[in-house]
Amino acid sequence: MMHFISFMIALSLSGYHTAADYVQGDINPEAQTQTAANTEQTSGSSDYKNDPLYPYIAQQNKLVEKNGTEYIANPENILVLANKDYLLQSTYTPPDLVRPNVTFSFGDAQVEKAQMRKEAGAQLEAMFTAAKQDNLTLYAVSGYRSYKRQQEVFSAEVANKGEAKAKEAVAVPGTSEHQTGLAMDISSKDQGYDLTEAFGDTPEGKWLQKNAHNYGFILRYMKGRESTTKYQYESWHYRYVGKDAAAIIYKNNWTLEDFFQHVQALQKKIDDGTAK
């Protein structure tokens, strides 16, 4: 018995953490640097490989340069980070687009925005079914959007509001998550199926905020995080990242940019030789 107690005390002092620590909120992600240092001093082993963020080092964007511009080289990555800093090539189309079996605001119309990547679409179906079981009906409004279609949407917004304002609300072609096939805009009947900030205050919007991560989705453009995402708050825009990553992001109240900043910080420690 004394040997067991000694082992548990040593484990506690070692600073070892599991994915559950991030998800359950038992540790502060900002304290990871000190934790890793303590682990190195006490055990000398490669405990950083047990960090829940370690597997995501391999899922960071890889870049390729073409004609002086850098583009995402691995856009099929489920955790691809497409934003104003990381561009998708105009020729990229996801290889596994499907039409999820969910309710759409436009009914049965056969349009490209009814599509998502296969894995994301399957989880969207599960999420909509779960909401229905709670007596809430979600409506899918806009999923996949080609580079060409994004050009049309952006040009229309520029004509309506001017380029500066347009860039705050609509992604420049090549920077839209919709082109990845991993995002879906969602609304409700009482919002007239429109994409409005007020959707976030509806029963459907609140349900999504609380439950979407269970199906691998995150609220991508959060209120109050405009300086990080570089986009206005969008209560309707949900992005698929996979259940494990979504759980970490949700629990820590991170944006996808925050998530990869923490991943990059871990990689830097490894590269510097301070995480062993």
C-alpha atoms as a PDB file:
ATOM      1  CA  MET A   1       0.000   0.000   0.000  1.00  0.00           C
ATOM      2  CA  MET A   2       2.843   2.396   0.880  1.00  0.00           C
ATOM      3  CA  HIS A   3       4.456   1.689  -2.502  1.00  0.00           C
ATOM      4  CA  PHE A   4       1.189   2.616  -4.263  1.00  0.00           C
ATOM      5  CA  ILE A   5       0.854   5.880  -2.317  1.00  0.00           C
ATOM      6  CA  SER A   6       4.467   6.781  -3.102  1.00  0.00           C
ATOM      7  CA  PHE A   7       3.829   6.083  -6.787  1.00  0.00           C
ATOM      8  CA  MET A   8       0.740   8.307  -6.864  1.00  0.00           C
ATOM      9  CA  ILE A   9       2.598  11.155  -5.147  1.00  0.00           C
ATOM     10  CA  ALA A  10       5.433  10.861  -7.660  1.00  0.00           C
ATOM     11  CA  LEU A  11       2.972  10.861 -10.545  1.00  0.00           C
ATOM     12  CA  SER A  12       1.295  13.970  -9.171  1.00  0.00           C
ATOM     13  CA  LEU A  13       4.613  15.788  -8.804  1.00  0.00           C
ATOM     14  CA  SER A  14       5.767  14.814 -12.272  1.00  0.00           C
ATOM     15  CA  GLY A  15       3.410  17.256 -13.987  1.00  0.00           C
ATOM     16  CA  TYR A  16       2.039  14.564 -16.313  1.00  0.00           C
ATOM     17  CA  HIS A  17      -1.257  15.488 -18.008  1.00  0.00           C
ATOM     18  CA  THR A  18      -3.711  13.755 -20.276  1.00  0.00           C
ATOM     19  CA  ALA A  19      -6.227  14.960 -22.858  1.00  0.00           C
ATOM     20  CA  ALA A  20      -8.863  14.816 -20.128  1.00  0.00           C
ATOM     21  CA  ASP A  21      -7.000  17.565 -18.253  1.00  0.00           C
ATOM     22  CA  TYR A  22      -7.580  19.998 -21.115  1.00  0.00           C
ATOM     23  CA  VAL A  23     -11.159  18.899 -21.653  1.00  0.00           C
ATOM     24  CA  GLN A  24     -12.118  18.896 -17.975  1.00  0.00           C
ATOM     25  CA  GLY A  25     -10.325  22.157 -17.297  1.00  0.00           C
ATOM     26  CA  ASP A  26      -8.024  20.777 -14.589  1.00  0.00           C
ATOM     27  CA  ILE A  27      -5.008  22.662 -15.905  1.00  0.00           C
ATOM     28  CA  ASN A  28      -4.283  26.039 -17.383  1.00  0.00           C
ATOM     29  CA  PRO A  29      -2.877  25.697 -20.941  1.00  0.00           C
ATOM     30  CA  GLU A  30      -0.647  28.729 -20.316  1.00  0.00           C
ATOM     31  CA  ALA A  31       1.011  26.777 -17.498  1.00  0.00           C
ATOM     32  CA  GLN A  32       2.125  24.019 -19.873  1.00  0.00           C
ATOM     33  CA  THR A  33       5.622  25.489 -20.294  1.00  0.00           C
ATOM     34  CA  GLN A  34       6.359  25.280 -16.565  1.00  0.00           C
ATOM     35  CA  THR A  35       4.705  21.877 -16.360  1.00  0.00           C
ATOM     36  CA  ALA A  36       6.927  20.511 -19.122  1.00  0.00           C
ATOM     37  CA  ALA A  37      10.005  21.913 -17.388  1.00  0.00           C
ATOM     38  CA  ASN A  38       9.027  20.232 -14.124  1.00  0.00           C
ATOM     39  CA  THR A  39       8.440  16.960 -15.945  1.00  0.00           C
ATOM     40  CA  GLU A  40      11.859  17.128 -17.571  1.00  0.00           C
ATOM     41  CA  GLN A  41      13.569  17.742 -14.244  1.00  0.00           C
ATOM     42  CA  THR A  42      11.803  14.918 -12.410  1.00  0.00           C
ATOM     43  CA  SER A  43      11.653  12.195 -15.027  1.00  0.00           C
ATOM     44  CA  GLY A  44      13.918  13.112 -17.939  1.00  0.00           C
ATOM     45  CA  SER A  45      11.522  11.285 -20.273  1.00  0.00           C
ATOM     46  CA  SER A  46       9.663  12.481 -23.391  1.00  0.00           C
ATOM     47  CA  ASP A  47       6.481  13.387 -21.551  1.00  0.00           C
ATOM     48  CA  TYR A  48       5.685  16.102 -24.100  1.00  0.00           C
ATOM     49  CA  LYS A  49       4.453  13.281 -26.327  1.00  0.00           C
ATOM     50  CA  ASN A  50       1.638  12.823 -23.811  1.00  0.00           C
ATOM     51  CA  ASP A  51       0.563  16.446 -24.192  1.00  0.00           C
ATOM     52  CA  PRO A  52      -2.945  16.406 -25.731  1.00  0.00           C
ATOM     53  CA  LEU A  53      -1.798  18.960 -28.298  1.00  0.00           C
ATOM     54  CA  TYR A  54       1.167  16.880 -29.468  1.00  0.00           C
ATOM     55  CA  PRO A  55      -0.748  14.896 -32.152  1.00  0.00           C
ATOM     56  CA  TYR A  56      -1.841  18.150 -33.771  1.00  0.00           C
ATOM     57  CA  ILE A  57       1.700  19.261 -34.587  1.00  0.00           C
ATOM     58  CA  ALA A  58       1.436  17.083 -37.692  1.00  0.00           C
ATOM     59  CA  GLN A  59      -1.888  18.699 -38.610  1.00  0.00           C
ATOM     60  CA  GLN A  60      -0.635  22.234 -38.973  1.00  0.00           C
ATOM     61  CA  ASN A  61      -0.805  23.928 -42.342  1.00  0.00           C
ATOM     62  CA  LYS A  62       1.930  23.051 -44.796  1.00  0.00           C
ATOM     63  CA  LEU A  63       2.685  25.735 -47.360  1.00  0.00           C
ATOM     64  CA  VAL A  64       3.741  25.795 -50.989  1.00  0.00           C
ATOM     65  CA  GLU A  65       4.828  28.864 -52.957  1.00  0.00           C
ATOM     66  CA  LYS A  66       3.457  29.607 -56.404  1.00  0.00           C
ATOM     67  CA  ASN A  67       4.218  32.771 -58.331  1.00  0.00           C
ATOM     68  CA  GLY A  68       5.403  34.521 -55.195  1.00  0.00           C
ATOM     69  CA  THR A  69       2.339  33.651 -53.105  1.00  0.00           C
ATOM     70  CA  GLU A  70       2.158  30.989 -50.404  1.00  0.00           C
ATOM     71  CA  TYR A  71      -0.793  28.599 -50.421  1.00  0.00           C
ATOM     72  CA  ILE A  72      -1.956  25.773 -48.174  1.00  0.00           C
ATOM     73  CA  ALA A  73      -0.400  22.558 -49.488  1.00  0.00           C
ATOM     74  CA  ASN A  74      -2.534  20.170 -47.393  1.00  0.00           C
ATOM     75  CA  PRO A  75      -6.092  21.552 -47.719  1.00  0.00           C
ATOM     76  CA  GLU A  76      -7.655  18.106 -47.218  1.00  0.00           C
ATOM     77  CA  ASN A  77      -6.487  18.190 -43.585  1.00  0.00           C
ATOM     78  CA  ILE A  78      -9.612  18.181 -41.365  1.00  0.00           C
ATOM     79  CA  LEU A  79      -7.960  20.852 -39.202  1.00  0.00           C
ATOM     80  CA  VAL A  80      -6.901  23.063 -42.104  1.00  0.00           C
ATOM     81  CA  LEU A  81      -6.650  26.703 -41.035  1.00  0.00           C
ATOM     82  CA  ALA A  82      -7.986  28.852 -43.860  1.00  0.00           C
ATOM     83  CA  ASN A  83      -8.094  32.543 -43.015  1.00  0.00           C
ATOM     84  CA  LYS A  84      -6.713  35.898 -44.129  1.00  0.00           C
ATOM     85  CA  ASP A  85      -3.162  34.651 -43.579  1.00  0.00           C
ATOM     86  CA  TYR A  86      -3.460  31.183 -45.106  1.00  0.00           C
ATOM     87  CA  LEU A  87      -4.806  30.876 -48.646  1.00  0.00           C
ATOM     88  CA  LEU A  88      -6.447  28.058 -50.569  1.00  0.00           C
ATOM     89  CA  GLN A  89      -5.617  27.716 -54.244  1.00  0.00           C
ATOM     90  CA  SER A  90      -8.357  28.685 -56.675  1.00  0.00           C
ATOM     91  CA  THR A  91      -8.303  25.169 -58.141  1.00  0.00           C
ATOM     92  CA  TYR A  92      -8.959  23.378 -54.842  1.00  0.00           C
ATOM     93  CA  THR A  93     -12.171  21.382 -54.561  1.00  0.00           C
ATOM     94  CA  PRO A  94     -12.649  18.889 -51.697  1.00  0.00           C
ATOM     95  CA  PRO A  95     -12.547  15.313 -53.051  1.00  0.00           C
ATOM     96  CA  ASP A  96     -15.362  13.822 -50.968  1.00  0.00           C
ATOM     97  CA  LEU A  97     -18.267  16.265 -51.082  1.00  0.00           C
ATOM     98  CA  VAL A  98     -21.679  14.830 -50.210  1.00  0.00           C
ATOM     99  CA  ARG A  99     -25.121  16.210 -49.516  1.00  0.00           C
ATOM    100  CA  PRO A 100     -25.951  15.592 -45.824  1.00  0.00           C
ATOM    101  CA  ASN A 101     -29.407  14.286 -45.033  1.00  0.00           C
ATOM    102  CA  VAL A 102     -30.546  17.346 -43.065  1.00  0.00           C
ATOM    103  CA  THR A 103     -33.163  20.063 -43.417  1.00  0.00           C
ATOM    104  CA  PHE A 104     -32.057  22.871 -45.725  1.00  0.00           C
ATOM    105  CA  SER A 105     -33.464  26.378 -45.814  1.00  0.00           C
ATOM    106  CA  PHE A 106     -33.817  26.039 -49.598  1.00  0.00           C
ATOM    107  CA  GLY A 107     -35.499  22.635 -49.585  1.00  0.00           C
ATOM    108  CA  ASP A 108     -34.408  20.026 -52.109  1.00  0.00           C
ATOM    109  CA  ALA A 109     -32.680  22.385 -54.536  1.00  0.00           C
ATOM    110  CA  GLN A 110     -29.557  20.774 -56.002  1.00  0.00           C
ATOM    111  CA  VAL A 111     -26.963  23.473 -55.359  1.00  0.00           C
ATOM    112  CA  GLU A 112     -23.302  23.337 -54.357  1.00  0.00           C
ATOM    113  CA  LYS A 113     -23.935  24.969 -50.980  1.00  0.00           C
ATOM    114  CA  ALA A 114     -25.864  21.858 -49.919  1.00  0.00           C
ATOM    115  CA  GLN A 115     -22.601  19.912 -49.840  1.00  0.00           C
ATOM    116  CA  MET A 116     -20.002  19.183 -47.171  1.00  0.00           C
ATOM    117  CA  ARG A 117     -17.095  16.818 -46.888  1.00  0.00           C
ATOM    118  CA  LYS A 118     -18.224  13.295 -46.046  1.00  0.00           C
ATOM    119  CA  GLU A 119     -16.979  13.114 -42.441  1.00  0.00           C
ATOM    120  CA  ALA A 120     -18.306  16.569 -41.589  1.00  0.00           C
ATOM    121  CA  GLY A 121     -21.630  15.812 -43.259  1.00  0.00           C
ATOM    122  CA  ALA A 122     -22.127  12.637 -41.225  1.00  0.00           C
ATOM    123  CA  GLN A 123     -21.567  14.532 -37.982  1.00  0.00           C
ATOM    124  CA  LEU A 124     -23.847  17.347 -39.144  1.00  0.00           C
ATOM    125  CA  GLU A 125     -26.596  14.763 -39.575  1.00  0.00           C
ATOM    126  CA  ALA A 126     -25.997  13.441 -36.056  1.00  0.00           C
ATOM    127  CA  MET A 127     -26.053  16.967 -34.635  1.00  0.00           C
ATOM    128  CA  PHE A 128     -29.294  17.920 -36.382  1.00  0.00           C
ATOM    129  CA  THR A 129     -30.891  14.667 -35.192  1.00  0.00           C
ATOM    130  CA  ALA A 130     -29.852  15.370 -31.596  1.00  0.00           C
ATOM    131  CA  ALA A 131     -31.317  18.873 -31.784  1.00  0.00           C
ATOM    132  CA  LYS A 132     -34.555  17.413 -33.144  1.00  0.00           C
ATOM    133  CA  GLN A 133     -34.716  15.066 -30.159  1.00  0.00           C
ATOM    134  CA  ASP A 134     -34.620  18.196 -28.002  1.00  0.00           C
ATOM    135  CA  ASN A 135     -37.561  19.598 -30.011  1.00  0.00           C
ATOM    136  CA  LEU A 136     -35.427  22.022 -31.995  1.00  0.00           C
ATOM    137  CA  THR A 137     -35.237  22.152 -35.784  1.00  0.00           C
ATOM    138  CA  LEU A 138     -32.000  23.400 -37.306  1.00  0.00           C
ATOM    139  CA  TYR A 139     -31.754  24.504 -40.923  1.00  0.00           C
ATOM    140  CA  ALA A 140     -28.582  24.251 -42.984  1.00  0.00           C
ATOM    141  CA  VAL A 141     -28.193  27.385 -45.090  1.00  0.00           C
ATOM    142  CA  SER A 142     -24.788  27.315 -46.764  1.00  0.00           C
ATOM    143  CA  GLY A 143     -22.018  24.726 -46.809  1.00  0.00           C
ATOM    144  CA  TYR A 144     -19.430  24.235 -49.545  1.00  0.00           C
ATOM    145  CA  ARG A 145     -18.693  27.266 -51.677  1.00  0.00           C
ATOM    146  CA  SER A 146     -16.333  27.125 -54.632  1.00  0.00           C
ATOM    147  CA  TYR A 147     -13.627  29.717 -55.251  1.00  0.00           C
ATOM    148  CA  LYS A 148     -15.644  31.038 -58.192  1.00  0.00           C
ATOM    149  CA  ARG A 149     -18.803  31.394 -56.116  1.00  0.00           C
ATOM    150  CA  GLN A 150     -16.832  33.123 -53.353  1.00  0.00           C
ATOM    151  CA  GLN A 151     -15.635  35.647 -55.928  1.00  0.00           C
ATOM    152  CA  GLU A 152     -19.245  36.410 -56.790  1.00  0.00           C
ATOM    153  CA  VAL A 153     -20.281  36.775 -53.135  1.00  0.00           C
ATOM    154  CA  PHE A 154     -17.313  38.995 -52.302  1.00  0.00           C
ATOM    155  CA  SER A 155     -17.770  41.207 -55.362  1.00  0.00           C
ATOM    156  CA  ALA A 156     -21.431  41.738 -54.488  1.00  0.00           C
ATOM    157  CA  GLU A 157     -20.499  42.732 -50.932  1.00  0.00           C
ATOM    158  CA  VAL A 158     -17.862  45.172 -52.197  1.00  0.00           C
ATOM    159  CA  ALA A 159     -20.413  46.764 -54.517  1.00  0.00           C
ATOM    160  CA  ASN A 160     -22.841  47.094 -51.615  1.00  0.00           C
ATOM    161  CA  LYS A 161     -20.572  48.203 -48.746  1.00  0.00           C
ATOM    162  CA  GLY A 162     -17.164  49.053 -50.171  1.00  0.00           C
ATOM    163  CA  GLU A 163     -14.032  46.906 -50.024  1.00  0.00           C
ATOM    164  CA  ALA A 164     -12.967  47.705 -46.447  1.00  0.00           C
ATOM    165  CA  LYS A 165     -16.338  46.810 -44.918  1.00  0.00           C
ATOM    166  CA  ALA A 166     -16.733  43.847 -47.247  1.00  0.00           C
ATOM    167  CA  LYS A 167     -13.496  42.305 -45.948  1.00  0.00           C
ATOM    168  CA  GLU A 168     -14.824  42.401 -42.378  1.00  0.00           C
ATOM    169  CA  ALA A 169     -17.899  40.372 -43.282  1.00  0.00           C
ATOM    170  CA  VAL A 170     -17.038  38.257 -46.325  1.00  0.00           C
ATOM    171  CA  ALA A 171     -13.896  36.254 -47.003  1.00  0.00           C
ATOM    172  CA  VAL A 172     -11.715  37.210 -49.929  1.00  0.00           C
ATOM    173  CA  PRO A 173     -11.687  34.342 -52.458  1.00  0.00           C
ATOM    174  CA  GLY A 174      -9.160  31.737 -51.346  1.00  0.00           C
ATOM    175  CA  THR A 175      -9.529  32.549 -47.643  1.00  0.00           C
ATOM    176  CA  SER A 176     -13.026  31.171 -47.043  1.00  0.00           C
ATOM    177  CA  GLU A 177     -13.654  28.159 -44.832  1.00  0.00           C
ATOM    178  CA  HIS A 178     -16.610  27.330 -47.041  1.00  0.00           C
ATOM    179  CA  GLN A 179     -14.185  26.325 -49.796  1.00  0.00           C
ATOM    180  CA  THR A 180     -12.804  23.616 -47.481  1.00  0.00           C
ATOM    181  CA  GLY A 181     -16.194  21.891 -47.347  1.00  0.00           C
ATOM    182  CA  LEU A 182     -15.917  21.798 -43.548  1.00  0.00           C
ATOM    183  CA  ALA A 183     -18.175  24.726 -42.627  1.00  0.00           C
ATOM    184  CA  MET A 184     -21.939  25.099 -42.486  1.00  0.00           C
ATOM    185  CA  ASP A 185     -24.020  28.196 -41.865  1.00  0.00           C
ATOM    186  CA  ILE A 186     -27.047  27.307 -39.741  1.00  0.00           C
ATOM    187  CA  SER A 187     -30.284  29.153 -38.960  1.00  0.00           C
ATOM    188  CA  SER A 188     -33.812  28.624 -37.685  1.00  0.00           C
ATOM    189  CA  LYS A 189     -37.359  29.189 -38.885  1.00  0.00           C
ATOM    190  CA  ASP A 190     -38.038  32.051 -36.483  1.00  0.00           C
ATOM    191  CA  GLN A 191     -35.065  33.908 -37.994  1.00  0.00           C
ATOM    192  CA  GLY A 192     -36.600  33.529 -41.435  1.00  0.00           C
ATOM    193  CA  TYR A 193     -33.685  31.194 -42.235  1.00  0.00           C
ATOM    194  CA  ASP A 194     -31.491  34.305 -42.385  1.00  0.00           C
ATOM    195  CA  LEU A 195     -27.936  34.516 -41.067  1.00  0.00           C
ATOM    196  CA  THR A 196     -28.210  37.006 -38.225  1.00  0.00           C
ATOM    197  CA  GLU A 197     -26.343  37.680 -34.990  1.00  0.00           C
ATOM    198  CA  ALA A 198     -29.699  37.307 -33.223  1.00  0.00           C
ATOM    199  CA  PHE A 199     -29.620  33.595 -34.058  1.00  0.00           C
ATOM    200  CA  GLY A 200     -27.115  33.188 -31.230  1.00  0.00           C
ATOM    201  CA  ASP A 201     -29.813  34.190 -28.730  1.00  0.00           C
ATOM    202  CA  THR A 202     -32.447  31.770 -30.025  1.00  0.00           C
ATOM    203  CA  PRO A 203     -33.033  28.337 -28.441  1.00  0.00           C
ATOM    204  CA  GLU A 204     -31.444  26.768 -31.523  1.00  0.00           C
ATOM    205  CA  GLY A 205     -28.410  29.033 -31.384  1.00  0.00           C
ATOM    206  CA  LYS A 206     -27.897  28.438 -27.668  1.00  0.00           C
ATOM    207  CA  TRP A 207     -28.250  24.682 -28.158  1.00  0.00           C
ATOM    208  CA  LEU A 208     -25.512  24.742 -30.788  1.00  0.00           C
ATOM    209  CA  GLN A 209     -23.191  26.782 -28.585  1.00  0.00           C
ATOM    210  CA  LYS A 210     -23.577  24.188 -25.841  1.00  0.00           C
ATOM    211  CA  ASN A 211     -23.596  20.987 -27.881  1.00  0.00           C
ATOM    212  CA  ALA A 212     -21.869  21.435 -31.253  1.00  0.00           C
ATOM    213  CA  HIS A 213     -18.468  20.328 -29.939  1.00  0.00           C
ATOM    214  CA  ASN A 214     -19.930  16.908 -29.120  1.00  0.00           C
ATOM    215  CA  TYR A 215     -20.213  16.388 -32.876  1.00  0.00           C
ATOM    216  CA  GLY A 216     -16.851  17.904 -33.787  1.00  0.00           C
ATOM    217  CA  PHE A 217     -18.067  21.423 -34.619  1.00  0.00           C
ATOM    218  CA  ILE A 218     -16.971  24.765 -33.172  1.00  0.00           C
ATOM    219  CA  LEU A 219     -18.459  28.245 -33.351  1.00  0.00           C
ATOM    220  CA  ARG A 220     -15.760  29.579 -35.627  1.00  0.00           C
ATOM    221  CA  TYR A 221     -16.117  33.363 -35.347  1.00  0.00           C
ATOM    222  CA  MET A 222     -16.764  34.122 -31.696  1.00  0.00           C
ATOM    223  CA  LYS A 223     -18.119  37.310 -30.171  1.00  0.00           C
ATOM    224  CA  GLY A 224     -15.346  39.450 -28.745  1.00  0.00           C
ATOM    225  CA  ARG A 225     -12.608  37.618 -30.669  1.00  0.00           C
ATOM    226  CA  GLU A 226     -12.712  39.700 -33.827  1.00  0.00           C
ATOM    227  CA  SER A 227      -9.121  40.873 -33.340  1.00  0.00           C
ATOM    228  CA  THR A 228      -7.984  37.241 -33.500  1.00  0.00           C
ATOM    229  CA  THR A 229     -10.189  35.828 -36.250  1.00  0.00           C
ATOM    230  CA  LYS A 230     -10.233  39.095 -38.246  1.00  0.00           C
ATOM    231  CA  TYR A 231     -13.951  38.581 -38.871  1.00  0.00           C
ATOM    232  CA  GLN A 232     -17.117  39.869 -37.292  1.00  0.00           C
ATOM    233  CA  TYR A 233     -19.011  37.641 -34.875  1.00  0.00           C
ATOM    234  CA  GLU A 234     -21.000  35.035 -36.814  1.00  0.00           C
ATOM    235  CA  SER A 235     -23.442  33.163 -34.606  1.00  0.00           C
ATOM    236  CA  TRP A 236     -24.419  30.938 -37.525  1.00  0.00           C
ATOM    237  CA  HIS A 237     -21.030  29.727 -38.807  1.00  0.00           C
ATOM    238  CA  TYR A 238     -20.007  26.296 -37.519  1.00  0.00           C
ATOM    239  CA  ARG A 239     -16.802  24.580 -38.544  1.00  0.00           C
ATOM    240  CA  TYR A 240     -15.992  20.874 -38.322  1.00  0.00           C
ATOM    241  CA  VAL A 241     -12.608  20.063 -36.732  1.00  0.00           C
ATOM    242  CA  GLY A 242     -13.230  16.578 -35.298  1.00  0.00           C
ATOM    243  CA  LYS A 243     -14.516  15.652 -31.851  1.00  0.00           C
ATOM    244  CA  ASP A 244     -11.213  15.573 -29.957  1.00  0.00           C
ATOM    245  CA  ALA A 245     -10.000  18.964 -31.172  1.00  0.00           C
ATOM    246  CA  ALA A 246     -13.475  20.465 -30.745  1.00  0.00           C
ATOM    247  CA  ALA A 247     -13.585  19.317 -27.112  1.00  0.00           C
ATOM    248  CA  ILE A 248     -10.264  21.027 -26.350  1.00  0.00           C
ATOM    249  CA  ILE A 249     -11.221  24.217 -28.195  1.00  0.00           C
ATOM    250  CA  TYR A 250     -14.641  24.403 -26.540  1.00  0.00           C
ATOM    251  CA  LYS A 251     -13.408  23.807 -22.997  1.00  0.00           C
ATOM    252  CA  ASN A 252     -10.681  26.429 -23.283  1.00  0.00           C
ATOM    253  CA  ASN A 253     -12.903  28.935 -25.107  1.00  0.00           C
ATOM    254  CA  TRP A 254     -10.347  29.139 -27.904  1.00  0.00           C
ATOM    255  CA  THR A 255     -10.628  30.131 -31.523  1.00  0.00           C
ATOM    256  CA  LEU A 256      -9.010  27.861 -34.106  1.00  0.00           C
ATOM    257  CA  GLU A 257      -6.205  30.422 -34.294  1.00  0.00           C
ATOM    258  CA  ASP A 258      -5.695  30.126 -30.518  1.00  0.00           C
ATOM    259  CA  PHE A 259      -5.589  26.349 -30.800  1.00  0.00           C
ATOM    260  CA  PHE A 260      -2.769  26.399 -33.318  1.00  0.00           C
ATOM    261  CA  GLN A 261      -0.872  29.074 -31.401  1.00  0.00           C
ATOM    262  CA  HIS A 262      -0.722  26.625 -28.489  1.00  0.00           C
ATOM    263  CA  VAL A 263       0.284  23.819 -30.840  1.00  0.00           C
ATOM    264  CA  GLN A 264       3.044  26.005 -32.283  1.00  0.00           C
ATOM    265  CA  ALA A 265       4.237  26.905 -28.776  1.00  0.00           C
ATOM    266  CA  LEU A 266       4.602  23.210 -27.969  1.00  0.00           C
ATOM    267  CA  GLN A 267       6.472  22.594 -31.211  1.00  0.00           C
ATOM    268  CA  LYS A 268       8.839  25.480 -30.453  1.00  0.00           C
ATOM    269  CA  LYS A 269       9.670  23.957 -27.069  1.00  0.00           C
ATOM    270  CA  ILE A 270      10.409  20.652 -28.763  1.00  0.00           C
ATOM    271  CA  ASP A 271      12.530  22.303 -31.458  1.00  0.00           C
ATOM    272  CA  ASP A 272      14.418  24.319 -28.841  1.00  0.00           C
ATOM    273  CA  GLY A 273      15.117  21.195 -26.846  1.00  0.00           C
ATOM    274  CA  THR A 274      13.314  22.499 -23.774  1.00  0.00           C
ATOM    275  CA  ALA A 275      10.658  19.773 -23.928  1.00  0.00           C
ATOM    276  CA  LYS A 276      12.166  16.354 -23.323  1.00  0.00           C
END
